[in-house]
Amino acid sequence: MARKPRVEFEGAFYHVIARGNQRRSIFSNDRDCEAYLGRIERYRKRYDFIVYGYVLMSNHVHLLIQTRKVPLSKIMQGIQGGFTQRYNRLHRTTGHLFQGRFKAILCDRDAYLLELVRYIHLNPARIRQAQDPWKYRWSSHRAYLGGWTAVEVNSEEVLAQLGPTKTEARRAYVGFMKDGLSLGHLEKFYQTIDQRFLGDEEFVERIERKTDRKEEAVGVKKVSFRRLLEAVAGQQGFSPERLTEVARSRHLTKTRALLVYLARHWSGATSKELGVRLKRDASMISKLYSKYTEQRDLGAEGRIRRLLNNKSITQV
């Protein structure tokens, strides 16, 4: 499956995961860990991004980063590239240290910041040879207790959610961490929309409006949903009524998914609006949209574009 282009804008909040090539170790000793954290702090000062949390494990890294003016790709290029050069030079190795492109999940900060901080800080407790996350040296956990860490961490936003004073908030944070010890690996943090977003459909729509994403199909101006419905139905050999009927039909699913995608981008329709028009709930609209983005039919889109440019289609 082709990788989706990364969405980047000022103020974006990411859960970043970087893994060792072929899951091999990326830290051979404490000095490697110190060097990696040193690079994070160096580039944090240079590029003015915010770090909410981090943990370094033997073969992977988790970071919670909010960017400002400098995009995440440039930040990570500086951190990863320089560290790889240092590692290869000191350990007399060659080639890629990290596994391909790092994974960056664009998250709804308001909904997930607190839980993500706990999740990454408890990483040491989830490995085969579990370690005490309270004593683990290579995470930002101590910053939330008022201790020193090699990277300047913004702990205030999380602590503000837990108590009115720092003392009360830190006490609540410890309890929150203890409550999470039994949770284990949480797959929900990786169940993304369109392979990139952690949040609900409303969050994704806000991001799309914020970034003003352009539809690749050149020559299509914003069209009414009714006109788009007629074009999609006509091109696919169905009546408009078939696409909007209540009854479910498996052989119509692909066409409905195409309609949902184009309606989002060419008609500016929201998921709520599409749910009403297609007589489906919002979760089904989200699934149709995600399904289509995984394997777009550019040929069909081109034919529909030509139909829309034909004035003989009735606009309602």
Protein backbone atom coordinates (compact mmCIF):
# COMPACT_ATOMS: atom_id res chain seq x y z
CA MET A 1 0.00 0.00 0.00
CA ALA A 2 1.39 3.41 -1.00
CA ARG A 3 2.38 5.68 1.87
CA LYS A 4 0.20 8.72 2.43
CA PRO A 5 1.81 12.16 2.23
CA ARG A 6 2.50 13.58 5.68
CA VAL A 7 0.24 16.41 6.80
CA GLU A 8 2.28 19.25 8.29
CA PHE A 9 1.28 22.67 9.56
CA GLU A 10 2.16 25.08 12.36
CA GLY A 11 0.82 23.75 15.67
CA ALA A 12 0.49 20.10 14.58
CA PHE A 13 0.77 17.55 17.41
CA TYR A 14 2.39 14.21 16.55
CA HIS A 15 3.04 10.86 18.13
CA VAL A 16 6.31 9.91 16.42
CA ILE A 17 7.64 6.33 16.37
CA ALA A 18 11.09 5.60 14.95
CA ARG A 19 12.24 1.96 14.83
CA GLY A 20 15.60 0.37 14.27
CA ASN A 21 16.26 -1.09 10.83
CA GLN A 22 14.97 -4.70 10.81
CA ARG A 23 14.04 -4.04 14.48
CA ARG A 24 17.72 -4.05 15.49
CA SER A 25 19.05 -2.03 18.39
CA ILE A 26 19.66 1.68 17.80
CA PHE A 27 21.32 2.32 21.16
CA SER A 28 24.39 0.26 22.05
CA ASN A 29 25.21 2.02 25.31
CA ASP A 30 24.25 4.91 27.58
CA ARG A 31 26.34 7.35 25.57
CA ASP A 32 24.21 6.65 22.51
CA CYS A 33 21.06 7.47 24.49
CA GLU A 34 22.64 10.65 25.82
CA ALA A 35 23.68 11.65 22.32
CA TYR A 36 20.17 11.10 20.94
CA LEU A 37 18.55 13.16 23.69
CA GLY A 38 21.21 15.81 23.16
CA ARG A 39 20.22 16.06 19.50
CA ILE A 40 16.54 16.41 20.41
CA GLU A 41 17.34 19.28 22.76
CA ARG A 42 19.70 20.93 20.26
CA TYR A 43 17.05 20.92 17.54
CA ARG A 44 14.31 21.88 19.97
CA LYS A 45 16.20 25.09 20.64
CA ARG A 46 17.01 25.63 16.97
CA TYR A 47 13.54 24.91 15.56
CA ASP A 48 11.40 25.97 18.54
CA PHE A 49 9.16 22.91 18.75
CA ILE A 50 7.49 21.62 21.93
CA VAL A 51 8.27 18.24 23.49
CA TYR A 52 5.54 16.78 25.69
CA GLY A 53 7.15 13.40 26.22
CA TYR A 54 9.69 10.84 25.04
CA VAL A 55 11.02 7.38 25.74
CA LEU A 56 14.07 5.66 24.25
CA MET A 57 13.88 1.87 24.08
CA SER A 58 16.59 -0.43 22.75
CA ASN A 59 15.19 -0.64 19.21
CA HIS A 60 12.64 2.16 18.97
CA VAL A 61 11.80 5.68 20.10
CA HIS A 62 8.51 7.40 20.98
CA LEU A 63 8.22 11.19 20.87
CA LEU A 64 5.31 13.55 21.48
CA ILE A 65 6.06 16.72 19.54
CA GLN A 66 4.13 19.85 18.62
CA THR A 67 5.67 21.83 15.79
CA ARG A 68 5.68 25.55 15.26
CA LYS A 69 7.05 27.07 12.04
CA VAL A 70 9.53 24.29 11.15
CA PRO A 71 7.86 21.13 9.77
CA LEU A 72 8.29 17.77 11.47
CA SER A 73 10.13 16.25 8.50
CA LYS A 74 12.95 18.79 8.84
CA ILE A 75 13.10 18.32 12.62
CA MET A 76 13.38 14.55 12.37
CA GLN A 77 15.88 14.75 9.52
CA GLY A 78 18.18 16.74 11.79
CA ILE A 79 17.76 14.41 14.77
CA GLN A 80 17.89 11.07 12.96
CA GLY A 81 20.42 11.90 10.25
CA GLY A 82 23.10 13.29 12.54
CA PHE A 83 22.62 10.53 15.08
CA THR A 84 22.98 7.85 12.38
CA GLN A 85 26.25 9.38 11.18
CA ARG A 86 27.58 9.49 14.72
CA TYR A 87 26.51 5.91 15.44
CA ASN A 88 28.09 4.51 12.26
CA ARG A 89 31.32 6.38 12.91
CA LEU A 90 31.72 5.32 16.54
CA HIS A 91 30.53 1.73 16.13
CA ARG A 92 32.21 1.19 12.75
CA THR A 93 28.99 0.27 10.97
CA THR A 94 27.46 1.39 7.69
CA GLY A 95 24.02 1.76 6.17
CA HIS A 96 20.62 2.63 7.60
CA LEU A 97 20.23 2.65 11.36
CA PHE A 98 16.50 3.43 11.34
CA GLN A 99 13.74 1.51 9.60
CA GLY A 100 12.70 3.54 6.57
CA ARG A 101 10.55 6.58 7.19
CA PHE A 102 9.61 7.30 10.79
CA LYS A 103 5.90 6.99 11.61
CA ALA A 104 4.14 10.19 12.57
CA ILE A 105 0.51 10.10 13.73
CA LEU A 106 -1.21 13.48 13.73
CA CYS A 107 -3.23 13.45 16.96
CA ASP A 108 -6.07 15.39 18.52
CA ARG A 109 -4.05 16.89 21.36
CA ASP A 110 -7.05 17.79 23.52
CA ALA A 111 -8.35 14.23 23.39
CA TYR A 112 -5.12 12.21 23.57
CA LEU A 113 -2.27 14.21 25.17
CA LEU A 114 -2.80 12.89 28.71
CA GLU A 115 -3.20 9.25 27.67
CA LEU A 116 -0.29 9.32 25.23
CA VAL A 117 2.08 10.69 27.87
CA ARG A 118 1.17 7.80 30.16
CA TYR A 119 1.38 5.26 27.34
CA ILE A 120 4.93 6.18 26.32
CA HIS A 121 6.15 6.55 29.91
CA LEU A 122 4.95 3.00 30.67
CA ASN A 123 6.78 1.51 27.68
CA PRO A 124 9.61 0.08 29.85
CA ALA A 125 7.04 -1.95 31.83
CA ARG A 126 5.66 -3.58 28.66
CA ILE A 127 8.81 -5.14 27.21
CA ARG A 128 9.75 -8.80 27.64
CA GLN A 129 12.32 -8.01 30.32
CA ALA A 130 10.20 -5.39 32.05
CA GLN A 131 11.85 -2.45 33.76
CA ASP A 132 10.53 -0.12 36.43
CA PRO A 133 9.16 2.95 34.59
CA TRP A 134 9.65 5.05 37.74
CA LYS A 135 13.41 4.40 37.66
CA TYR A 136 13.91 4.24 33.88
CA ARG A 137 16.55 6.80 32.85
CA TRP A 138 15.59 7.34 29.23
CA SER A 139 12.09 8.76 29.43
CA SER A 140 10.59 12.14 30.29
CA HIS A 141 8.73 10.68 33.29
CA ARG A 142 10.94 12.53 35.79
CA ALA A 143 10.07 15.88 34.21
CA TYR A 144 6.47 15.34 35.32
CA LEU A 145 7.65 14.87 38.90
CA GLY A 146 9.73 18.05 38.87
CA GLY A 147 13.07 16.35 38.14
CA TRP A 148 15.72 17.20 35.57
CA THR A 149 15.72 15.66 32.08
CA ALA A 150 18.12 16.14 29.19
CA VAL A 151 15.30 17.54 27.05
CA GLU A 152 13.17 20.48 28.12
CA VAL A 153 9.67 19.01 28.44
CA ASN A 154 6.39 20.90 28.61
CA SER A 155 4.70 19.08 31.48
CA GLU A 156 2.45 21.96 32.50
CA GLU A 157 -0.42 21.20 30.10
CA VAL A 158 -0.79 17.62 31.31
CA LEU A 159 -0.39 18.51 34.99
CA ALA A 160 -2.98 21.28 34.65
CA GLN A 161 -5.53 18.59 33.75
CA LEU A 162 -4.75 16.64 36.93
CA GLY A 163 -4.81 19.17 39.76
CA PRO A 164 -5.01 22.87 40.72
CA THR A 165 -1.50 22.94 42.21
CA LYS A 166 1.72 21.27 41.10
CA THR A 167 1.87 19.18 44.26
CA GLU A 168 -1.66 17.86 43.81
CA ALA A 169 -1.19 17.41 40.06
CA ARG A 170 2.00 15.39 40.50
CA ARG A 171 0.36 13.20 43.11
CA ALA A 172 -2.55 12.60 40.71
CA TYR A 173 -0.09 11.93 37.88
CA VAL A 174 1.55 9.13 39.88
CA GLY A 175 -1.85 7.60 40.54
CA PHE A 176 -2.76 7.93 36.87
CA MET A 177 0.45 6.13 35.92
CA LYS A 178 -0.22 3.31 38.40
CA ASP A 179 -3.73 2.88 37.00
CA GLY A 180 -2.22 2.33 33.55
CA LEU A 181 0.20 -0.43 34.54
CA SER A 182 -2.37 -3.17 33.88
CA LEU A 183 -3.46 -1.83 30.49
CA GLY A 184 -0.57 -3.24 28.43
CA HIS A 185 -0.21 -2.42 24.73
CA LEU A 186 -3.07 -0.19 23.57
CA GLU A 187 -3.90 -0.74 19.91
CA LYS A 188 -6.30 2.21 19.93
CA PHE A 189 -3.34 4.59 19.63
CA TYR A 190 -2.48 3.03 16.27
CA GLN A 191 -6.01 2.70 14.84
CA THR A 192 -5.81 5.76 12.66
CA ILE A 193 -8.07 7.35 10.07
CA ASP A 194 -6.56 7.39 6.58
CA GLN A 195 -3.35 5.87 8.08
CA ARG A 196 -2.37 9.25 9.55
CA PHE A 197 -4.90 10.74 11.98
CA LEU A 198 -5.73 9.84 15.59
CA GLY A 199 -9.05 11.49 16.36
CA ASP A 200 -12.65 11.45 15.30
CA GLU A 201 -14.07 12.48 11.93
CA GLU A 202 -14.70 16.01 13.16
CA PHE A 203 -11.00 16.34 14.05
CA VAL A 204 -9.98 15.19 10.55
CA GLU A 205 -12.35 17.70 8.98
CA ARG A 206 -10.85 20.51 11.11
CA ILE A 207 -7.39 19.51 9.93
CA GLU A 208 -8.48 19.48 6.30
CA ARG A 209 -9.97 22.97 6.66
CA LYS A 210 -6.86 24.20 8.45
CA THR A 211 -4.46 22.94 5.80
CA ASP A 212 -6.76 23.93 2.92
CA ARG A 213 -5.94 20.71 1.09
CA LYS A 214 -6.32 20.93 -2.68
CA GLU A 215 -7.99 18.16 -4.61
CA GLU A 216 -5.63 16.70 -7.21
CA ALA A 217 -8.28 16.66 -9.92
CA VAL A 218 -7.58 19.81 -11.94
CA GLY A 219 -10.53 21.66 -13.42
CA VAL A 220 -13.25 20.74 -10.89
CA LYS A 221 -14.83 23.67 -9.14
CA LYS A 222 -17.06 23.20 -6.13
CA VAL A 223 -20.27 21.47 -7.23
CA SER A 224 -23.58 20.78 -5.52
CA PHE A 225 -24.02 17.36 -3.97
CA ARG A 226 -27.01 16.66 -6.23
CA ARG A 227 -25.00 17.38 -9.37
CA LEU A 228 -22.12 15.23 -8.12
CA LEU A 229 -24.53 12.42 -7.22
CA GLU A 230 -25.96 12.43 -10.75
CA ALA A 231 -22.48 12.38 -12.29
CA VAL A 232 -21.20 9.53 -10.13
CA ALA A 233 -24.38 7.49 -10.61
CA GLY A 234 -24.37 8.05 -14.37
CA GLN A 235 -20.70 7.17 -14.79
CA GLN A 236 -21.06 4.01 -12.69
CA GLY A 237 -24.31 2.87 -14.35
CA PHE A 238 -26.71 3.36 -11.45
CA SER A 239 -29.60 5.70 -10.75
CA PRO A 240 -29.07 8.38 -8.09
CA GLU A 241 -31.85 6.75 -6.06
CA ARG A 242 -29.94 3.46 -5.87
CA LEU A 243 -26.94 5.18 -4.26
CA THR A 244 -29.05 6.88 -1.59
CA GLU A 245 -31.43 4.04 -0.78
CA VAL A 246 -31.61 2.67 2.77
CA ALA A 247 -31.10 -0.96 1.78
CA ARG A 248 -27.50 -2.10 1.85
CA SER A 249 -26.02 -3.58 -1.31
CA ARG A 250 -22.49 -4.95 -1.34
CA HIS A 251 -21.93 -4.29 -5.06
CA LEU A 252 -22.77 -0.59 -4.52
CA THR A 253 -20.29 -0.11 -1.67
CA LYS A 254 -17.37 0.85 -3.90
CA THR A 255 -19.44 3.44 -5.75
CA ARG A 256 -20.78 4.90 -2.51
CA ALA A 257 -17.20 5.13 -1.19
CA LEU A 258 -16.21 7.00 -4.36
CA LEU A 259 -19.17 9.35 -3.90
CA VAL A 260 -18.28 10.01 -0.25
CA TYR A 261 -14.67 10.84 -1.13
CA LEU A 262 -15.59 13.20 -3.98
CA ALA A 263 -18.38 14.83 -1.98
CA ARG A 264 -15.91 15.62 0.81
CA HIS A 265 -13.40 17.16 -1.59
CA TRP A 266 -15.47 18.53 -4.48
CA SER A 267 -18.68 19.53 -2.70
CA GLY A 268 -17.30 20.40 0.72
CA ALA A 269 -19.82 18.08 2.40
CA THR A 270 -19.27 17.09 6.02
CA SER A 271 -19.58 13.54 7.32
CA LYS A 272 -22.73 14.50 9.20
CA GLU A 273 -24.31 15.88 6.04
CA LEU A 274 -23.33 12.83 4.00
CA GLY A 275 -24.75 10.56 6.68
CA VAL A 276 -28.13 12.25 6.30
CA ARG A 277 -28.04 12.23 2.48
CA LEU A 278 -26.92 8.60 2.21
CA LYS A 279 -28.98 7.39 5.18
CA ARG A 280 -25.94 6.03 7.02
CA ASP A 281 -24.40 6.86 10.38
CA ALA A 282 -21.21 8.91 10.64
CA SER A 283 -19.03 5.88 11.43
CA MET A 284 -20.08 4.20 8.18
CA ILE A 285 -19.30 7.39 6.22
CA SER A 286 -15.84 7.42 7.84
CA LYS A 287 -15.27 3.78 6.87
CA LEU A 288 -16.33 4.41 3.27
CA TYR A 289 -14.01 7.42 3.04
CA SER A 290 -11.03 5.52 4.49
CA LYS A 291 -11.70 2.49 2.28
CA TYR A 292 -11.64 4.60 -0.86
CA THR A 293 -8.50 6.55 0.04
CA GLU A 294 -6.60 3.26 0.35
CA GLN A 295 -7.19 2.47 -3.32
CA ARG A 296 -8.47 5.40 -5.36
CA ASP A 297 -9.87 4.93 -8.87
CA LEU A 298 -8.27 7.86 -10.69
CA GLY A 299 -9.76 6.72 -14.00
CA ALA A 300 -13.30 6.96 -12.64
CA GLU A 301 -12.50 10.34 -11.08
CA GLY A 302 -11.30 11.62 -14.44
CA ARG A 303 -14.45 10.45 -16.21
CA ILE A 304 -16.65 12.03 -13.54
CA ARG A 305 -14.69 15.26 -13.86
CA ARG A 306 -15.45 15.34 -17.58
CA LEU A 307 -19.13 14.68 -16.90
CA LEU A 308 -19.22 17.56 -14.41
CA ASN A 309 -17.73 19.87 -17.01
CA ASN A 310 -20.58 18.94 -19.37
CA LYS A 311 -23.29 21.58 -18.97
CA SER A 312 -25.96 19.08 -19.93
CA ILE A 313 -25.91 17.74 -16.35
CA THR A 314 -28.76 19.33 -14.47
CA GLN A 315 -27.72 21.39 -11.46
CA VAL A 316 -30.21 21.21 -8.60
